[in-house]
Amino acid sequence: MMSQLKDEKEHLKKAIRVGMRYGENRGVVKFDGSDSAKDKIEYIYRLLVHDKLITALPAEQLSLASMKHKLAIWASKLEA
C-alpha cells in the first residue's frame, strides 16, 4: 500500500499545473477546459515517463490512484 504523502492533494494540484505547462511548452498537447482531471493525470504521467522524468510504475500497479501518487511525489521534489 502506498503511504500518504504530506500535503498530497496540494502536490497533485501542482503536478497537474506544472505538467500541463510542460506538455504545452513541449508542443505535444493542448489542454482545454473540457479535459477531465483523470485524463490530465493519465496524459501527464505517460508524458513524464516517456521523457524519463519519472520511472514507470509496474503494469500490475498502474491505476489512477498510483499515477496521482507518483505525480504528487514528482511535484513535491520540484522547486517551489
C-alpha atoms as a PDB file:
ATOM      1  CA  MET A   1       0.000   0.000   0.000  1.00  0.00           C
ATOM      2  CA  MET A   2       1.204   3.484  -0.823  1.00  0.00           C
ATOM      3  CA  SER A   3       1.978   5.722   2.093  1.00  0.00           C
ATOM      4  CA  GLN A   4       0.206   9.053   2.022  1.00  0.00           C
ATOM      5  CA  LEU A   5       2.481  11.945   1.154  1.00  0.00           C
ATOM      6  CA  LYS A   6       2.229  15.023   3.359  1.00  0.00           C
ATOM      7  CA  ASP A   7       0.027  17.561   1.509  1.00  0.00           C
ATOM      8  CA  GLU A   8      -0.504  15.031  -1.296  1.00  0.00           C
ATOM      9  CA  LYS A   9      -3.572  16.854  -2.689  1.00  0.00           C
ATOM     10  CA  GLU A  10      -1.642  20.124  -2.947  1.00  0.00           C
ATOM     11  CA  HIS A  11       1.304  18.382  -4.600  1.00  0.00           C
ATOM     12  CA  LEU A  12      -1.058  16.716  -7.082  1.00  0.00           C
ATOM     13  CA  LYS A  13      -2.599  20.101  -7.997  1.00  0.00           C
ATOM     14  CA  LYS A  14       0.916  21.457  -8.540  1.00  0.00           C
ATOM     15  CA  ALA A  15       1.849  18.383 -10.632  1.00  0.00           C
ATOM     16  CA  ILE A  16      -1.164  18.895 -12.894  1.00  0.00           C
ATOM     17  CA  ARG A  17      -0.436  22.620 -13.270  1.00  0.00           C
ATOM     18  CA  VAL A  18       3.298  22.139 -13.956  1.00  0.00           C
ATOM     19  CA  GLY A  19       2.710  19.027 -16.078  1.00  0.00           C
ATOM     20  CA  MET A  20       0.163  20.793 -18.283  1.00  0.00           C
ATOM     21  CA  ARG A  21       2.560  23.693 -18.801  1.00  0.00           C
ATOM     22  CA  TYR A  22       5.396  21.264 -19.547  1.00  0.00           C
ATOM     23  CA  GLY A  23       3.353  19.360 -22.156  1.00  0.00           C
ATOM     24  CA  GLU A  24       2.099  22.528 -23.835  1.00  0.00           C
ATOM     25  CA  ASN A  25       5.573  24.138 -23.861  1.00  0.00           C
ATOM     26  CA  ARG A  26       6.930  20.949 -25.398  1.00  0.00           C
ATOM     27  CA  GLY A  27       4.289  21.320 -28.112  1.00  0.00           C
ATOM     28  CA  VAL A  28       2.859  17.810 -27.653  1.00  0.00           C
ATOM     29  CA  VAL A  29      -0.536  18.654 -26.161  1.00  0.00           C
ATOM     30  CA  LYS A  30      -3.077  21.436 -25.819  1.00  0.00           C
ATOM     31  CA  PHE A  31      -5.323  21.008 -22.792  1.00  0.00           C
ATOM     32  CA  ASP A  32      -8.739  22.638 -22.653  1.00  0.00           C
ATOM     33  CA  GLY A  33     -11.434  23.115 -20.061  1.00  0.00           C
ATOM     34  CA  SER A  34     -13.342  20.006 -21.099  1.00  0.00           C
ATOM     35  CA  ASP A  35     -10.431  17.672 -20.262  1.00  0.00           C
ATOM     36  CA  SER A  36     -11.157  15.708 -17.094  1.00  0.00           C
ATOM     37  CA  ALA A  37      -8.683  15.604 -14.214  1.00  0.00           C
ATOM     38  CA  LYS A  38      -8.367  11.852 -14.847  1.00  0.00           C
ATOM     39  CA  ASP A  39      -7.366  12.441 -18.488  1.00  0.00           C
ATOM     40  CA  LYS A  40      -4.867  15.144 -17.499  1.00  0.00           C
ATOM     41  CA  ILE A  41      -3.312  12.934 -14.813  1.00  0.00           C
ATOM     42  CA  GLU A  42      -3.003   9.976 -17.179  1.00  0.00           C
ATOM     43  CA  TYR A  43      -1.546  12.074 -20.003  1.00  0.00           C
ATOM     44  CA  ILE A  44       0.940  13.901 -17.773  1.00  0.00           C
ATOM     45  CA  TYR A  45       2.022  10.621 -16.154  1.00  0.00           C
ATOM     46  CA  ARG A  46       2.636   8.986 -19.544  1.00  0.00           C
ATOM     47  CA  LEU A  47       4.461  12.055 -20.891  1.00  0.00           C
ATOM     48  CA  LEU A  48       6.786  12.236 -17.878  1.00  0.00           C
ATOM     49  CA  VAL A  49       7.512   8.506 -18.129  1.00  0.00           C
ATOM     50  CA  HIS A  50       8.163   8.872 -21.873  1.00  0.00           C
ATOM     51  CA  ASP A  51      10.553  11.785 -21.256  1.00  0.00           C
ATOM     52  CA  LYS A  52      12.224   9.798 -18.446  1.00  0.00           C
ATOM     53  CA  LEU A  53      11.411  12.417 -15.803  1.00  0.00           C
ATOM     54  CA  ILE A  54       9.762   9.745 -13.655  1.00  0.00           C
ATOM     55  CA  THR A  55      10.061   5.956 -13.670  1.00  0.00           C
ATOM     56  CA  ALA A  56       7.109   3.913 -14.867  1.00  0.00           C
ATOM     57  CA  LEU A  57       5.007   2.003 -12.405  1.00  0.00           C
ATOM     58  CA  PRO A  58       4.907  -1.775 -12.837  1.00  0.00           C
ATOM     59  CA  ALA A  59       1.907  -2.718 -15.040  1.00  0.00           C
ATOM     60  CA  GLU A  60       0.146  -4.527 -12.188  1.00  0.00           C
ATOM     61  CA  GLN A  61       0.338  -1.373 -10.041  1.00  0.00           C
ATOM     62  CA  LEU A  62      -0.900   1.016 -12.735  1.00  0.00           C
ATOM     63  CA  SER A  63      -4.064   2.744 -11.515  1.00  0.00           C
ATOM     64  CA  LEU A  64      -5.360   6.276 -11.275  1.00  0.00           C
ATOM     65  CA  ALA A  65      -4.520   6.349  -7.555  1.00  0.00           C
ATOM     66  CA  SER A  66      -0.935   5.204  -8.144  1.00  0.00           C
ATOM     67  CA  MET A  67      -0.486   7.709 -11.008  1.00  0.00           C
ATOM     68  CA  LYS A  68      -1.769  10.515  -8.740  1.00  0.00           C
ATOM     69  CA  HIS A  69       0.647   9.425  -6.009  1.00  0.00           C
ATOM     70  CA  LYS A  70       3.576   9.246  -8.443  1.00  0.00           C
ATOM     71  CA  LEU A  71       2.802  12.746  -9.799  1.00  0.00           C
ATOM     72  CA  ALA A  72       2.442  14.144  -6.262  1.00  0.00           C
ATOM     73  CA  ILE A  73       5.867  12.756  -5.348  1.00  0.00           C
ATOM     74  CA  TRP A  74       7.340  14.268  -8.544  1.00  0.00           C
ATOM     75  CA  ALA A  75       5.798  17.674  -7.765  1.00  0.00           C
ATOM     76  CA  SER A  76       6.992  17.545  -4.152  1.00  0.00           C
ATOM     77  CA  LYS A  77      10.571  17.364  -5.446  1.00  0.00           C
ATOM     78  CA  LEU A  78      10.244  20.367  -7.777  1.00  0.00           C
ATOM     79  CA  GLU A  79      11.486  23.776  -6.744  1.00  0.00           C
ATOM     80  CA  ALA A  80       8.739  25.902  -5.202  1.00  0.00           C
END
